[in-house]
Amino acid sequence: MSASGRKGVKAAIPFLLPSLIGALLFSVLPILVSLFLSITNWTGMSPVSLTRGFFQFVGKHFVGLENFKAILSDSEFYKVLSHNLYFIVLYLPSMLLVSMACALIINSPRKTANVYRVLYYIPVLTSWVAGALIWKWLLSPTYGPINNVLALLGIEGPMWLQSEAWAMPSIVIASVWKDMGFYAMIILGGLKSIGVEYYEAANIDGAGKTQCFFRITLPLLSSVLFYVIMLSLINAFQLFPQVMVMTRDGNAGPNGATMVMVERIYKYAFKYGKMGYAAAYSWLLFAVIMIFTVIQKKGEKKWVNYES
């Protein structure tokens, strides 16, 4: 590095130091602590000392890889993972379709587009607790307005959150409602970046709106959609607040129908007092997310177009 470069680094350090300290304390350190806890059977109740008591703590609570072995040998882990995957299968295509529709409506030249933009983004600004309580009321089988409207049409509404078959789809509906505005804004940014000359050339050649969408919009939007899919997939594996609020008494739905990874981590850590077991669960969740991310990156070159 040249002298001017070293001088620039030294000048930047005072400005970067607050952010670096924050990242160290609130990101790097918790990651290292959770990794350490994953190889212990700590309950969260016994104190941890940074002096001589630390080694006593290690000697008392160290269990090696036993937590990981116990989780992977338990059928509950695979049941929980299947629930997460079931949520993703329902959520991902629904979210993409609704977000794309919202982005196309907002991108239209109509004067009301700005009004739609505000309306679609309101759920994003709503806290998950408030949003989940609203949907818990809407989906109530006895006094919820959704089932009341279905009754007026002569349709008997399902039990929704009280039904093992409908509990997870209910969570998906609320999640799509909450997230569609956020992802629609990202897709809208991609739509704005597509040059109008492509559509003008297509119109001259006699292409219709459907052909323009599938031959121009989707290919040029593929990089944005790839980002949205990766982001939504990672968020989907971290499904938690809507499950805890919407399912009955926070018990992961009827017969554990909405029992998911983060919900299990929370329960083992703070309800059952198994901090080490919960930490191991969180690292397995990290491994699962990493595997799916790598798979997506492997398939990126096959369908993502970065040329505009």
Foldseek 3Di string as FASTA:
>chain_A
DDPVVVVVVVVCCVVCVVVVVCCVVPPVVVLVVLVVLLQWQFLPPDDDDPPPSNVVRCVVTGRGNVLVVVLVVDVVNVVQVVLLVVLCVLQVVVLVVLLQVLLVQLLDPDPCSVVSLVVLCVLQVDDLLVLLVLLLQLLQQPRHVVQVVCVVVVHHDDRQLQDLVRPSVSLSVSVSSNCSSVLSVLLNVQVVPFDCVVVVVCVVVVDDPVCCCVVPVCQSSQVSVLVVSLVVSLVSLLDDDSQCNNHDVRPCTDVNSNNHQNSVLCCVRPPVSRSNSSSNSVVVSVVVSVVVVVVSVVCCVVRHDNDD
